[in-house]
Amino acid sequence: MVFLDIQAVTKYERGNTVLHPLHFTMQEGERVAIAGETGSGKSTLLKLIAGLLQPNEGQVYFEGMRVLGPDEQLLPGHPKIAYLSQHFELRNNYKVHEIIAMTNQLDPASAQQVFDVCRISHLLMRRTDELSGGEKQRIALAKQLTSVPKLLLLDEPFSNLDRVHKELIRQVIDDICNTLKVTCLLVSHDATDLLSWADRILIMQDGQLVQQGTPKQLYHHPVNEYVAALMGEYNLINTKTHEVFLQMLGEGVRGKRALIRPEQLAISVSKPTHPHYVEGVVQKVKFFGAYYSIEVIIDGFVLKVSTTAFLFNVGDIVFVTVPTSPV
């Protein structure tokens, strides 16, 4: 039996199509993420899966049972699907343990495991007005988990978090999947947050599913420039207008647009011994901690190259190649 089955779900709002007919399936234990720019329809899709919105067409099935929307039952959704909005709220003037007790269906030992996974055990006696934003998020997450869901839907769990708290919530989500064995489906506008987590990523644009696949597939073989940009820095080279790149990329891309990631290139101040290179001038050098981003002007085109070497300055003449082995 299919764990989650989205069958041609469609949503209209004020005469506009917010979500075009969309179909995909998900297996239990699979880590699936939905990415796309703001307004792409990803959060609408998540709410339709949760049963919080009524689809105009199509159906959502969870473990063979249709998920009912607000037009069909007073408490919409499925009892084993939990949803955490990016705009979650906690009641004021309550202690954390009181908030959680309102929905807790777990025995004390299992509840303590959820508290440990969400890193909130030390917060149980705090009042909600004494918490940081990251702490509130983890408590809201624990509250959802005490209802014993089998599928957890997370809408933009990494937004509005600093680097430290983003890494912490990433660890919490990992433990929810690995330790609690809850299947997670999450949404993010930044696909780079998903590369190391997801088994499969669905890319949304203007209410349509434009590509899906493993992180590696989407990163190295995006179907268009929109997907390429979501997945990280890239160079899109038109060999019809910049033929100089043919000696580096090969005749197979003549007259085409070739996409190459900055880290797939090598840069040197010494002319290579082989003939397959392009020559240019360094325009910018940006330091990003683990690497430098070098912008090189070649034949009127700005080429981005990533390197760990601190060897380059603005104005340097450099040579860029595609290594025969991965960079």
Protein backbone atom coordinates (compact mmCIF):
# COMPACT_ATOMS: atom_id res chain seq x y z
CA MET A 1 0.00 0.00 0.00
CA VAL A 2 1.23 3.49 -0.90
CA PHE A 3 1.93 5.58 2.21
CA LEU A 4 0.92 8.94 0.72
CA ASP A 5 -0.79 9.30 -2.65
CA ILE A 6 -1.53 12.72 -4.19
CA GLN A 7 -3.93 12.24 -7.10
CA ALA A 8 -4.25 15.20 -9.50
CA VAL A 9 -4.83 17.66 -6.67
CA THR A 10 -5.79 21.16 -7.90
CA LYS A 11 -6.50 24.41 -6.07
CA TYR A 12 -8.12 27.63 -7.31
CA GLU A 13 -8.31 30.93 -5.46
CA ARG A 14 -10.35 33.92 -6.70
CA GLY A 15 -10.43 32.54 -10.21
CA ASN A 16 -6.68 31.87 -10.36
CA THR A 17 -5.03 28.45 -10.44
CA VAL A 18 -2.79 28.30 -7.37
CA LEU A 19 -1.95 24.63 -7.83
CA HIS A 20 -2.19 22.89 -11.19
CA PRO A 21 -3.14 19.18 -11.26
CA LEU A 22 -0.33 17.45 -9.40
CA HIS A 23 0.38 13.80 -8.71
CA PHE A 24 3.10 12.15 -6.68
CA THR A 25 3.48 9.33 -4.17
CA MET A 26 5.62 8.91 -1.07
CA GLN A 27 6.68 5.80 0.80
CA GLU A 28 6.88 5.44 4.57
CA GLY A 29 10.34 6.38 5.83
CA GLU A 30 11.19 8.32 2.66
CA ARG A 31 12.53 11.83 3.18
CA VAL A 32 10.77 14.07 0.69
CA ALA A 33 11.16 17.84 0.42
CA ILE A 34 9.30 20.42 -1.66
CA ALA A 35 11.25 23.48 -2.79
CA GLY A 36 10.42 26.57 -4.79
CA GLU A 37 10.36 30.32 -4.70
CA THR A 38 7.75 32.27 -2.73
CA GLY A 39 4.34 31.86 -4.36
CA SER A 40 5.24 28.64 -6.15
CA GLY A 41 2.45 26.68 -4.47
CA LYS A 42 4.53 24.54 -2.11
CA SER A 43 2.84 25.64 1.13
CA THR A 44 -0.59 25.30 -0.49
CA LEU A 45 0.28 21.73 -1.42
CA LEU A 46 1.39 20.98 2.15
CA LYS A 47 -1.89 22.34 3.56
CA LEU A 48 -3.88 20.24 1.08
CA ILE A 49 -2.00 17.13 2.25
CA ALA A 50 -2.70 18.09 5.87
CA GLY A 51 -6.40 18.51 5.05
CA LEU A 52 -6.39 22.17 6.10
CA LEU A 53 -7.43 23.28 2.60
CA GLN A 54 -10.11 21.71 0.44
CA PRO A 55 -8.89 20.74 -3.05
CA ASN A 56 -11.08 21.89 -5.94
CA GLU A 57 -10.18 18.74 -7.84
CA GLY A 58 -8.29 15.55 -7.07
CA GLN A 59 -7.79 13.55 -3.88
CA VAL A 60 -5.20 12.99 -1.14
CA TYR A 61 -4.91 9.45 0.24
CA PHE A 62 -2.95 8.49 3.35
CA GLU A 63 -2.46 4.75 3.93
CA GLY A 64 -5.41 4.08 1.64
CA MET A 65 -7.76 6.49 3.44
CA ARG A 66 -8.86 9.72 1.80
CA VAL A 67 -7.82 12.84 3.70
CA LEU A 68 -10.94 14.94 4.29
CA GLY A 69 -10.83 18.72 4.04
CA PRO A 70 -12.65 21.46 5.99
CA ASP A 71 -15.69 21.28 3.69
CA GLU A 72 -16.22 17.64 4.64
CA GLN A 73 -15.65 17.38 8.38
CA LEU A 74 -15.44 19.65 11.42
CA LEU A 75 -11.89 18.63 12.28
CA PRO A 76 -10.23 18.28 8.87
CA GLY A 77 -7.27 16.10 8.04
CA HIS A 78 -6.10 12.68 9.18
CA PRO A 79 -5.37 11.77 12.84
CA LYS A 80 -1.97 10.38 11.91
CA ILE A 81 -0.84 13.43 9.93
CA ALA A 82 0.62 16.34 11.93
CA TYR A 83 1.31 19.76 10.44
CA LEU A 84 3.58 22.50 11.80
CA SER A 85 3.10 25.89 10.16
CA GLN A 86 5.90 28.42 9.85
CA HIS A 87 3.48 30.75 11.69
CA PHE A 88 2.97 28.45 14.68
CA GLU A 89 1.78 29.95 17.94
CA LEU A 90 1.99 28.89 21.60
CA ARG A 91 -0.58 30.02 24.12
CA ASN A 92 0.58 32.74 26.47
CA ASN A 93 0.57 32.48 30.26
CA TYR A 94 1.22 28.75 30.26
CA LYS A 95 4.19 26.66 31.24
CA VAL A 96 5.68 24.40 28.57
CA HIS A 97 4.61 21.16 30.27
CA GLU A 98 1.03 22.49 30.46
CA ILE A 99 1.00 23.31 26.74
CA ILE A 100 2.23 19.84 25.82
CA ALA A 101 -0.20 18.08 28.20
CA MET A 102 -3.11 19.42 26.14
CA THR A 103 -2.36 17.01 23.27
CA ASN A 104 -0.09 14.40 24.85
CA GLN A 105 -1.12 10.81 24.08
CA LEU A 106 2.16 9.22 25.16
CA ASP A 107 3.20 7.36 28.28
CA PRO A 108 5.83 9.14 30.42
CA ALA A 109 8.82 7.25 28.96
CA SER A 110 7.78 7.86 25.35
CA ALA A 111 6.99 11.50 26.07
CA GLN A 112 10.45 11.94 27.61
CA GLN A 113 12.00 10.51 24.44
CA VAL A 114 10.16 13.15 22.39
CA PHE A 115 11.37 15.88 24.78
CA ASP A 116 14.95 14.63 24.45
CA VAL A 117 14.76 14.43 20.65
CA CYS A 118 13.36 17.98 20.47
CA ARG A 119 15.94 19.26 22.99
CA ILE A 120 13.30 20.75 25.30
CA SER A 121 13.65 18.68 28.52
CA HIS A 122 15.26 21.66 30.27
CA LEU A 123 12.44 23.97 29.17
CA LEU A 124 9.41 22.14 30.58
CA MET A 125 9.01 24.42 33.62
CA ARG A 126 9.52 27.65 31.64
CA ARG A 127 6.67 29.95 30.71
CA THR A 128 5.98 30.52 27.03
CA ASP A 129 6.88 34.21 27.30
CA GLU A 130 10.36 33.23 28.52
CA LEU A 131 11.32 31.37 25.34
CA SER A 132 13.34 32.29 22.27
CA GLY A 133 11.96 31.78 18.77
CA GLY A 134 14.00 28.61 18.25
CA GLU A 135 12.87 27.19 21.60
CA LYS A 136 9.23 27.91 20.77
CA GLN A 137 9.61 26.13 17.46
CA ARG A 138 11.01 22.98 19.10
CA ILE A 139 8.23 23.01 21.70
CA ALA A 140 5.56 23.38 19.00
CA LEU A 141 7.24 20.47 17.21
CA ALA A 142 7.21 18.32 20.37
CA LYS A 143 3.55 19.18 20.88
CA GLN A 144 2.75 17.80 17.42
CA LEU A 145 4.78 14.65 18.06
CA THR A 146 2.96 13.82 21.30
CA SER A 147 -0.16 13.24 19.20
CA VAL A 148 1.69 10.19 17.77
CA PRO A 149 1.66 11.04 14.05
CA LYS A 150 3.04 8.76 11.35
CA LEU A 151 3.60 11.64 8.89
CA LEU A 152 4.94 15.04 9.97
CA LEU A 153 4.52 18.01 7.61
CA LEU A 154 6.93 20.90 8.20
CA ASP A 155 6.38 24.25 6.49
CA GLU A 156 9.64 26.24 6.20
CA PRO A 157 11.26 24.82 9.37
CA PHE A 158 14.59 26.59 8.63
CA SER A 159 13.24 30.10 7.98
CA ASN A 160 14.00 32.98 10.35
CA LEU A 161 16.68 30.97 12.18
CA ASP A 162 20.31 31.90 12.69
CA ARG A 163 23.00 29.42 11.70
CA VAL A 164 23.24 27.83 15.17
CA HIS A 165 19.49 27.25 15.54
CA LYS A 166 19.15 26.14 11.92
CA GLU A 167 21.72 23.40 12.52
CA LEU A 168 19.95 22.44 15.77
CA ILE A 169 16.54 22.07 14.12
CA ARG A 170 18.22 20.07 11.34
CA GLN A 171 19.55 17.64 13.97
CA VAL A 172 16.12 17.47 15.61
CA ILE A 173 14.43 16.60 12.30
CA ASP A 174 17.06 13.92 11.66
CA ASP A 175 16.34 12.39 15.08
CA ILE A 176 12.59 12.53 14.48
CA CYS A 177 13.12 10.42 11.36
CA ASN A 178 15.81 8.08 12.74
CA THR A 179 14.93 7.71 16.42
CA LEU A 180 11.18 8.27 16.54
CA LYS A 181 10.63 6.67 13.11
CA VAL A 182 8.24 9.40 11.99
CA THR A 183 8.18 10.08 8.25
CA CYS A 184 8.80 13.75 7.41
CA LEU A 185 7.75 15.84 4.43
CA LEU A 186 9.01 19.40 4.52
CA VAL A 187 8.89 22.60 2.51
CA SER A 188 11.66 25.16 2.00
CA HIS A 189 12.22 28.10 -0.33
CA ASP A 190 15.96 27.37 -0.18
CA ALA A 191 16.75 24.01 -1.77
CA THR A 192 20.34 24.13 -0.50
CA ASP A 193 18.91 23.47 3.00
CA LEU A 194 17.62 20.15 1.67
CA LEU A 195 20.57 18.72 -0.25
CA SER A 196 22.06 16.74 2.65
CA TRP A 197 18.69 15.69 4.11
CA ALA A 198 16.26 14.67 1.39
CA ASP A 199 16.01 11.38 -0.46
CA ARG A 200 13.92 13.18 -3.08
CA ILE A 201 13.19 16.83 -3.83
CA LEU A 202 10.16 18.16 -5.72
CA ILE A 203 10.65 21.57 -7.37
CA MET A 204 7.58 23.80 -7.67
CA GLN A 205 7.14 26.84 -9.92
CA ASP A 206 3.94 28.82 -10.49
CA GLY A 207 1.83 26.05 -8.99
CA GLN A 208 3.35 23.29 -11.11
CA LEU A 209 5.78 20.46 -10.44
CA VAL A 210 8.68 21.18 -12.81
CA GLN A 211 11.18 18.51 -11.72
CA GLN A 212 11.71 15.87 -9.08
CA GLY A 213 14.61 13.58 -8.29
CA THR A 214 17.45 12.94 -5.90
CA PRO A 215 19.46 15.94 -4.71
CA LYS A 216 22.37 14.88 -6.93
CA GLN A 217 20.14 14.59 -10.00
CA LEU A 218 18.66 18.05 -9.50
CA TYR A 219 22.00 19.63 -8.67
CA HIS A 220 23.89 18.28 -11.67
CA HIS A 221 21.04 17.90 -14.19
CA PRO A 222 18.45 20.66 -13.64
CA VAL A 223 15.79 20.87 -16.37
CA ASN A 224 15.99 24.66 -16.54
CA GLU A 225 17.70 27.72 -15.11
CA TYR A 226 15.05 28.12 -12.40
CA VAL A 227 15.91 24.71 -10.91
CA ALA A 228 19.62 25.36 -11.34
CA ALA A 229 19.39 28.61 -9.37
CA LEU A 230 17.42 27.01 -6.54
CA MET A 231 20.08 24.35 -6.10
CA GLY A 232 23.03 26.73 -5.76
CA GLU A 233 25.57 28.83 -7.64
CA TYR A 234 25.99 28.03 -11.32
CA ASN A 235 27.42 29.22 -14.63
CA LEU A 236 25.22 29.12 -17.73
CA ILE A 237 27.41 29.47 -20.79
CA ASN A 238 25.99 30.14 -24.25
CA THR A 239 28.63 28.65 -26.54
CA LYS A 240 26.94 30.23 -29.56
CA THR A 241 27.87 33.73 -28.35
CA HIS A 242 31.00 32.71 -26.38
CA GLU A 243 32.76 30.17 -28.60
CA VAL A 244 35.97 30.54 -26.62
CA PHE A 245 34.53 28.07 -24.10
CA LEU A 246 34.40 25.32 -26.71
CA GLN A 247 38.09 24.54 -26.21
CA MET A 248 37.33 23.87 -22.54
CA LEU A 249 33.89 22.25 -22.76
CA GLY A 250 34.30 20.40 -26.05
CA GLU A 251 32.62 20.55 -29.45
CA GLY A 252 29.62 18.59 -28.11
CA VAL A 253 28.14 21.80 -26.68
CA ARG A 254 28.61 23.99 -29.77
CA GLY A 255 25.65 26.33 -30.18
CA LYS A 256 24.13 25.17 -26.89
CA ARG A 257 23.85 26.47 -23.34
CA ALA A 258 26.08 24.55 -20.97
CA LEU A 259 25.54 24.57 -17.20
CA ILE A 260 28.52 24.06 -14.95
CA ARG A 261 28.86 24.57 -11.20
CA PRO A 262 31.69 26.79 -9.85
CA GLU A 263 33.28 23.90 -7.92
CA GLN A 264 33.47 21.80 -11.10
CA LEU A 265 36.12 24.19 -12.45
CA ALA A 266 39.81 24.57 -11.64
CA ILE A 267 41.68 27.89 -11.71
CA SER A 268 45.40 28.63 -11.91
CA VAL A 269 47.80 31.51 -12.51
CA SER A 270 49.97 29.13 -14.54
CA LYS A 271 49.09 28.23 -18.11
CA PRO A 272 48.06 24.54 -18.28
CA THR A 273 50.18 22.16 -20.31
CA HIS A 274 47.12 20.81 -22.15
CA PRO A 275 45.18 22.91 -24.71
CA HIS A 276 41.73 22.74 -23.07
CA TYR A 277 41.48 25.94 -21.06
CA VAL A 278 40.20 29.51 -21.22
CA GLU A 279 42.10 32.62 -20.21
CA GLY A 280 40.60 35.54 -18.31
CA VAL A 281 41.08 38.30 -15.75
CA VAL A 282 39.99 38.17 -12.10
CA GLN A 283 37.20 40.71 -11.47
CA LYS A 284 36.20 39.85 -7.88
CA VAL A 285 37.44 37.68 -5.02
CA LYS A 286 34.94 36.78 -2.28
CA PHE A 287 35.82 34.91 0.91
CA PHE A 288 33.24 32.42 2.24
CA GLY A 289 35.25 30.72 4.97
CA ALA A 290 35.71 27.23 3.52
CA TYR A 291 36.32 28.54 0.00
CA TYR A 292 36.84 31.58 -2.21
CA SER A 293 34.48 32.57 -5.00
CA ILE A 294 36.47 33.99 -7.91
CA GLU A 295 34.70 35.94 -10.67
CA VAL A 296 36.65 35.84 -13.90
CA ILE A 297 35.95 37.89 -17.05
CA ILE A 298 36.37 35.68 -20.12
CA ASP A 299 35.34 36.89 -23.57
CA GLY A 300 32.94 39.43 -21.98
CA PHE A 301 31.36 36.73 -19.79
CA VAL A 302 31.60 36.49 -15.98
CA LEU A 303 32.58 32.97 -14.92
CA LYS A 304 32.32 31.96 -11.25
CA VAL A 305 34.93 29.55 -9.92
CA SER A 306 35.18 28.11 -6.40
CA THR A 307 38.59 27.35 -4.92
CA THR A 308 40.14 26.76 -1.51
CA ALA A 309 43.42 28.37 -2.58
CA PHE A 310 44.23 31.93 -1.49
CA LEU A 311 46.26 32.74 -4.59
CA PHE A 312 44.23 35.23 -6.58
CA ASN A 313 43.83 38.99 -6.66
CA VAL A 314 41.73 41.36 -8.72
CA GLY A 315 43.45 41.98 -12.04
CA ASP A 316 45.35 38.67 -12.15
CA ILE A 317 45.46 36.83 -15.48
CA VAL A 318 44.20 33.30 -14.79
CA PHE A 319 43.47 30.08 -16.63
CA VAL A 320 40.30 28.04 -16.06
CA THR A 321 39.91 24.37 -16.90
CA VAL A 322 37.54 21.46 -16.36
CA PRO A 323 39.54 18.77 -14.52
CA THR A 324 39.39 15.25 -15.89
CA SER A 325 38.65 14.04 -12.33
CA PRO A 326 36.07 15.65 -9.99
CA VAL A 327 37.18 18.83 -8.23
